[in-house]
PDB file of N, CA and C in Angstrom:
ATOM      1  N   MET A   1       0.838  -1.185   0.000  1.00  0.00           N
ATOM      2  CA  MET A   1       0.000   0.000   0.000  1.00  0.00           C
ATOM      3  C   MET A   1       0.881   1.245   0.000  1.00  0.00           C
ATOM      4  N   GLY A   2       0.632   2.160  -0.911  1.00  0.00           N
ATOM      5  CA  GLY A   2       1.433   3.371  -1.044  1.00  0.00           C
ATOM      6  C   GLY A   2       0.795   4.557  -0.346  1.00  0.00           C
ATOM      7  N   ILE A   3       1.337   5.687  -0.627  1.00  0.00           N
ATOM      8  CA  ILE A   3       0.829   6.942  -0.054  1.00  0.00           C
ATOM      9  C   ILE A   3      -0.406   7.350  -0.846  1.00  0.00           C
ATOM     10  N   SER A   4      -1.439   7.750  -0.128  1.00  0.00           N
ATOM     11  CA  SER A   4      -2.670   8.172  -0.798  1.00  0.00           C
ATOM     12  C   SER A   4      -2.459   9.502  -1.516  1.00  0.00           C
ATOM     13  N   ARG A   5      -3.322   9.796  -2.459  1.00  0.00           N
ATOM     14  CA  ARG A   5      -3.234  11.063  -3.197  1.00  0.00           C
ATOM     15  C   ARG A   5      -3.402  12.255  -2.273  1.00  0.00           C
ATOM     16  N   ASP A   6      -4.276  12.133  -1.283  1.00  0.00           N
ATOM     17  CA  ASP A   6      -4.472  13.226  -0.329  1.00  0.00           C
ATOM     18  C   ASP A   6      -3.199  13.490   0.469  1.00  0.00           C
ATOM     19  N   SER A   7      -2.575  12.424   0.935  1.00  0.00           N
ATOM     20  CA  SER A   7      -1.336  12.575   1.696  1.00  0.00           C
ATOM     21  C   SER A   7      -0.239  13.187   0.836  1.00  0.00           C
ATOM     22  N   LEU A   8      -0.131  12.724  -0.382  1.00  0.00           N
ATOM     23  CA  LEU A   8       0.870  13.259  -1.292  1.00  0.00           C
ATOM     24  C   LEU A   8       0.602  14.740  -1.565  1.00  0.00           C
ATOM     25  N   GLY A   9      -0.636  15.115  -1.738  1.00  0.00           N
ATOM     26  CA  GLY A   9      -1.005  16.521  -1.938  1.00  0.00           C
ATOM     27  C   GLY A   9      -0.658  17.369  -0.726  1.00  0.00           C
ATOM     28  N   GLN A  10      -0.892  16.839   0.471  1.00  0.00           N
ATOM     29  CA  GLN A  10      -0.547  17.573   1.691  1.00  0.00           C
ATOM     30  C   GLN A  10       0.963  17.771   1.799  1.00  0.00           C
ATOM     31  N   ILE A  11       1.715  16.741   1.457  1.00  0.00           N
ATOM     32  CA  ILE A  11       3.183  16.836   1.498  1.00  0.00           C
ATOM     33  C   ILE A  11       3.663  17.891   0.510  1.00  0.00           C
ATOM     34  N   ARG A  12       3.103  17.879  -0.688  1.00  0.00           N
ATOM     35  CA  ARG A  12       3.486  18.873  -1.694  1.00  0.00           C
ATOM     36  C   ARG A  12       3.163  20.280  -1.224  1.00  0.00           C
ATOM     37  N   ASN A  13       2.004  20.465  -0.594  1.00  0.00           N
ATOM     38  CA  ASN A  13       1.633  21.789  -0.093  1.00  0.00           C
ATOM     39  C   ASN A  13       2.579  22.249   1.004  1.00  0.00           C
ATOM     40  N   ILE A  14       2.963  21.349   1.891  1.00  0.00           N
ATOM     41  CA  ILE A  14       3.911  21.685   2.964  1.00  0.00           C
ATOM     42  C   ILE A  14       5.252  22.080   2.358  1.00  0.00           C
ATOM     43  N   LEU A  15       5.722  21.295   1.404  1.00  0.00           N
ATOM     44  CA  LEU A  15       7.005  21.601   0.770  1.00  0.00           C
ATOM     45  C   LEU A  15       6.945  22.921   0.000  1.00  0.00           C
ATOM     46  N   ARG A  16       5.841  23.204  -0.653  1.00  0.00           N
ATOM     47  CA  ARG A  16       5.677  24.464  -1.378  1.00  0.00           C
ATOM     48  C   ARG A  16       5.731  25.640  -0.409  1.00  0.00           C
ATOM     49  N   LYS A  17       5.035  25.519   0.733  1.00  0.00           N
ATOM     50  CA  LYS A  17       5.048  26.588   1.737  1.00  0.00           C
ATOM     51  C   LYS A  17       6.451  26.781   2.302  1.00  0.00           C
ATOM     52  N   LEU A  18       7.152  25.692   2.557  1.00  0.00           N
ATOM     53  CA  LEU A  18       8.517  25.765   3.067  1.00  0.00           C
ATOM     54  C   LEU A  18       9.423  26.444   2.047  1.00  0.00           C
ATOM     55  N   ASP A  19       9.291  26.083   0.803  1.00  0.00           N
ATOM     56  CA  ASP A  19      10.087  26.686  -0.256  1.00  0.00           C
ATOM     57  C   ASP A  19       9.823  28.185  -0.343  1.00  0.00           C
ATOM     58  N   ASN A  20       8.560  28.586  -0.279  1.00  0.00           N
ATOM     59  CA  ASN A  20       8.203  30.005  -0.310  1.00  0.00           C
ATOM     60  C   ASN A  20       8.777  30.744   0.888  1.00  0.00           C
ATOM     61  N   SER A  21       8.742  30.105   2.041  1.00  0.00           N
ATOM     62  CA  SER A  21       9.287  30.706   3.253  1.00  0.00           C
ATOM     63  C   SER A  21      10.799  30.911   3.127  1.00  0.00           C
ATOM     64  N   ILE A  22      11.480  29.926   2.590  1.00  0.00           N
ATOM     65  CA  ILE A  22      12.929  30.034   2.386  1.00  0.00           C
ATOM     66  C   ILE A  22      13.240  31.153   1.394  1.00  0.00           C
ATOM     67  N   ASP A  23      12.498  31.210   0.310  1.00  0.00           N
ATOM     68  CA  ASP A  23      12.709  32.262  -0.684  1.00  0.00           C
ATOM     69  C   ASP A  23      12.473  33.639  -0.084  1.00  0.00           C
ATOM     70  N   SER A  24      11.430  33.768   0.720  1.00  0.00           N
ATOM     71  CA  SER A  24      11.115  35.039   1.359  1.00  0.00           C
ATOM     72  C   SER A  24      12.222  35.462   2.322  1.00  0.00           C
ATOM     73  N   ALA A  25      12.713  34.532   3.125  1.00  0.00           N
ATOM     74  CA  ALA A  25      13.788  34.833   4.071  1.00  0.00           C
ATOM     75  C   ALA A  25      15.063  35.226   3.331  1.00  0.00           C
ATOM     76  N   ARG A  26      15.360  34.545   2.232  1.00  0.00           N
ATOM     77  CA  ARG A  26      16.545  34.863   1.438  1.00  0.00           C
ATOM     78  C   ARG A  26      16.426  36.268   0.855  1.00  0.00           C
ATOM     79  N   GLU A  27      15.268  36.594   0.311  1.00  0.00           N
ATOM     80  CA  GLU A  27      15.054  37.914  -0.281  1.00  0.00           C
ATOM     81  C   GLU A  27      15.203  39.007   0.785  1.00  0.00           C
ATOM     82  N   LYS A  28      14.647  38.762   1.956  1.00  0.00           N
ATOM     83  CA  LYS A  28      14.748  39.733   3.054  1.00  0.00           C
ATOM     84  C   LYS A  28      16.211  39.931   3.447  1.00  0.00           C
ATOM     85  N   ARG A  29      16.955  38.824   3.584  1.00  0.00           N
ATOM     86  CA  ARG A  29      18.367  38.904   3.962  1.00  0.00           C
ATOM     87  C   ARG A  29      19.163  39.670   2.909  1.00  0.00           C
ATOM     88  N   LEU A  30      18.913  39.399   1.639  1.00  0.00           N
ATOM     89  CA  LEU A  30      19.643  40.081   0.577  1.00  0.00           C
ATOM     90  C   LEU A  30      19.346  41.574   0.562  1.00  0.00           C
ATOM     91  N   LYS A  31      18.096  41.946   0.807  1.00  0.00           N
ATOM     92  CA  LYS A  31      17.732  43.363   0.862  1.00  0.00           C
ATOM     93  C   LYS A  31      18.417  44.051   2.040  1.00  0.00           C
ATOM     94  N   GLU A  32      18.466  43.383   3.196  1.00  0.00           N
ATOM     95  CA  GLU A  32      19.132  43.955   4.366  1.00  0.00           C
ATOM     96  C   GLU A  32      20.622  44.118   4.102  1.00  0.00           C
ATOM     97  N   ASN A  33      21.246  43.120   3.475  1.00  0.00           N
ATOM     98  CA  ASN A  33      22.668  43.210   3.159  1.00  0.00           C
ATOM     99  C   ASN A  33      22.941  44.339   2.170  1.00  0.00           C
ATOM    100  N   GLU A  34      22.062  44.493   1.186  1.00  0.00           N
ATOM    101  CA  GLU A  34      22.225  45.559   0.201  1.00  0.00           C
ATOM    102  C   GLU A  34      22.105  46.919   0.887  1.00  0.00           C
ATOM    103  N   HIS A  35      21.147  47.031   1.803  1.00  0.00           N
ATOM    104  CA  HIS A  35      20.947  48.283   2.532  1.00  0.00           C
ATOM    105  C   HIS A  35      22.197  48.609   3.353  1.00  0.00           C
ATOM    106  N   ARG A  36      22.740  47.604   4.062  1.00  0.00           N
ATOM    107  CA  ARG A  36      23.956  47.821   4.854  1.00  0.00           C
ATOM    108  C   ARG A  36      25.128  48.206   3.967  1.00  0.00           C
ATOM    109  N   HIS A  37      25.227  47.526   2.823  1.00  0.00           N
ATOM    110  CA  HIS A  37      26.317  47.822   1.895  1.00  0.00           C
ATOM    111  C   HIS A  37      26.218  49.263   1.402  1.00  0.00           C
ATOM    112  N   ASN A  38      25.012  49.712   1.060  1.00  0.00           N
ATOM    113  CA  ASN A  38      24.820  51.075   0.579  1.00  0.00           C
ATOM    114  C   ASN A  38      25.141  52.093   1.667  1.00  0.00           C
ATOM    115  N   GLU A  39      24.736  51.816   2.898  1.00  0.00           N
ATOM    116  CA  GLU A  39      25.056  52.719   4.001  1.00  0.00           C
ATOM    117  C   GLU A  39      26.560  52.797   4.210  1.00  0.00           C
ATOM    118  N   ALA A  40      27.214  51.651   4.164  1.00  0.00           N
ATOM    119  CA  ALA A  40      28.657  51.614   4.364  1.00  0.00           C
ATOM    120  C   ALA A  40      29.378  52.346   3.242  1.00  0.00           C
ATOM    121  N   ALA A  41      28.874  52.226   2.029  1.00  0.00           N
ATOM    122  CA  ALA A  41      29.494  52.902   0.899  1.00  0.00           C
ATOM    123  C   ALA A  41      29.381  54.415   1.072  1.00  0.00           C
ATOM    124  N   GLU A  42      28.264  54.875   1.631  1.00  0.00           N
ATOM    125  CA  GLU A  42      28.070  56.308   1.847  1.00  0.00           C
ATOM    126  C   GLU A  42      28.894  56.814   3.029  1.00  0.00           C
ATOM    127  N   ASN A  43      28.943  56.025   4.108  1.00  0.00           N
ATOM    128  CA  ASN A  43      29.577  56.480   5.349  1.00  0.00           C
ATOM    129  C   ASN A  43      30.947  55.885   5.590  1.00  0.00           C
ATOM    130  N   GLY A  44      31.170  54.682   5.161  1.00  0.00           N
ATOM    131  CA  GLY A  44      32.371  53.935   5.527  1.00  0.00           C
ATOM    132  C   GLY A  44      33.652  54.422   4.899  1.00  0.00           C
ATOM    133  N   ALA A  45      33.600  54.985   3.719  1.00  0.00           N
ATOM    134  CA  ALA A  45      34.828  55.392   3.045  1.00  0.00           C
ATOM    135  C   ALA A  45      35.563  56.456   3.842  1.00  0.00           C
ATOM    136  N   SER A  46      34.827  57.285   4.569  1.00  0.00           N
ATOM    137  CA  SER A  46      35.483  58.364   5.296  1.00  0.00           C
ATOM    138  C   SER A  46      35.945  57.957   6.684  1.00  0.00           C
ATOM    139  N   ASN A  47      35.405  56.849   7.240  1.00  0.00           N
ATOM    140  CA  ASN A  47      35.787  56.487   8.603  1.00  0.00           C
ATOM    141  C   ASN A  47      36.542  55.161   8.705  1.00  0.00           C
ATOM    142  N   GLY A  48      36.927  54.539   7.595  1.00  0.00           N
ATOM    143  CA  GLY A  48      37.738  53.335   7.626  1.00  0.00           C
ATOM    144  C   GLY A  48      36.981  52.059   7.901  1.00  0.00           C
ATOM    145  N   VAL A  49      35.662  52.086   7.913  1.00  0.00           N
ATOM    146  CA  VAL A  49      34.874  50.882   8.153  1.00  0.00           C
ATOM    147  C   VAL A  49      34.429  50.330   6.819  1.00  0.00           C
ATOM    148  N   GLU A  50      34.794  49.077   6.568  1.00  0.00           N
ATOM    149  CA  GLU A  50      34.392  48.446   5.315  1.00  0.00           C
ATOM    150  C   GLU A  50      32.936  48.035   5.373  1.00  0.00           C
ATOM    151  N   SER A  51      32.376  47.702   4.218  1.00  0.00           N
ATOM    152  CA  SER A  51      30.959  47.372   4.134  1.00  0.00           C
ATOM    153  C   SER A  51      30.579  46.132   4.931  1.00  0.00           C
ATOM    154  N   ASN A  52      31.548  45.241   5.208  1.00  0.00           N
ATOM    155  CA  ASN A  52      31.209  44.046   5.979  1.00  0.00           C
ATOM    156  C   ASN A  52      31.313  44.281   7.474  1.00  0.00           C
ATOM    157  N   GLY A  53      31.701  45.479   7.876  1.00  0.00           N
ATOM    158  CA  GLY A  53      31.777  45.813   9.291  1.00  0.00           C
ATOM    159  C   GLY A  53      33.034  45.304   9.964  1.00  0.00           C
ATOM    160  N   ALA A  54      33.968  44.717   9.219  1.00  0.00           N
ATOM    161  CA  ALA A  54      35.161  44.142   9.825  1.00  0.00           C
ATOM    162  C   ALA A  54      36.236  45.185  10.072  1.00  0.00           C
ATOM    163  N   GLY A  55      36.112  46.347   9.492  1.00  0.00           N
ATOM    164  CA  GLY A  55      37.088  47.407   9.713  1.00  0.00           C
ATOM    165  C   GLY A  55      37.996  47.579   8.533  1.00  0.00           C
ATOM    166  N   GLY A  56      38.636  48.732   8.501  1.00  0.00           N
ATOM    167  CA  GLY A  56      39.540  49.042   7.409  1.00  0.00           C
ATOM    168  C   GLY A  56      40.918  48.465   7.666  1.00  0.00           C
ATOM    169  N   ALA A  57      41.846  48.848   6.839  1.00  0.00           N
ATOM    170  CA  ALA A  57      43.202  48.336   6.934  1.00  0.00           C
ATOM    171  C   ALA A  57      43.879  48.756   8.233  1.00  0.00           C
ATOM    172  N   ASN A  58      43.435  49.862   8.824  1.00  0.00           N
ATOM    173  CA  ASN A  58      44.046  50.322  10.065  1.00  0.00           C
ATOM    174  C   ASN A  58      43.584  49.534  11.298  1.00  0.00           C
ATOM    175  N   GLY A  59      42.586  48.660  11.114  1.00  0.00           N
ATOM    176  CA  GLY A  59      42.130  47.807  12.215  1.00  0.00           C
ATOM    177  C   GLY A  59      41.288  48.505  13.252  1.00  0.00           C
ATOM    178  N   LEU A  60      40.879  49.737  12.991  1.00  0.00           N
ATOM    179  CA  LEU A  60      40.105  50.487  13.976  1.00  0.00           C
ATOM    180  C   LEU A  60      38.608  50.305  13.854  1.00  0.00           C
ATOM    181  N   GLY A  61      38.166  49.622  12.807  1.00  0.00           N
ATOM    182  CA  GLY A  61      36.733  49.429  12.591  1.00  0.00           C
ATOM    183  C   GLY A  61      36.158  48.362  13.506  1.00  0.00           C
ATOM    184  N   ARG A  62      34.850  48.149  13.383  1.00  0.00           N
ATOM    185  CA  ARG A  62      34.159  47.126  14.162  1.00  0.00           C
ATOM    186  C   ARG A  62      34.626  45.738  13.768  1.00  0.00           C
ATOM    187  N   ARG A  63      34.501  44.818  14.677  1.00  0.00           N
ATOM    188  CA  ARG A  63      34.795  43.419  14.384  1.00  0.00           C
ATOM    189  C   ARG A  63      33.535  42.753  13.866  1.00  0.00           C
ATOM    190  N   ALA A  64      33.667  41.882  12.852  1.00  0.00           N
ATOM    191  CA  ALA A  64      32.526  41.101  12.357  1.00  0.00           C
ATOM    192  C   ALA A  64      32.174  40.059  13.393  1.00  0.00           C
ATOM    193  N   GLY A  65      30.915  39.810  13.538  1.00  0.00           N
ATOM    194  CA  GLY A  65      30.597  38.749  14.478  1.00  0.00           C
ATOM    195  C   GLY A  65      29.245  38.827  14.921  1.00  0.00           C
TER     196      GLY A  65
END
């Protein structure tokens, strides 16, 4: 006896929702990273802080973490 059509449909719906959730979280993360990068590009060049927040070559910037 195999999986019923109803069960298979429920599994597909769960996987579809999970996939959409992952895509949404990825899009949100990418937008936040882009926003941080743009802010750093505007502000960071003058204060030695790179866009990743790890600091410039002088080591005076924030530590990533």
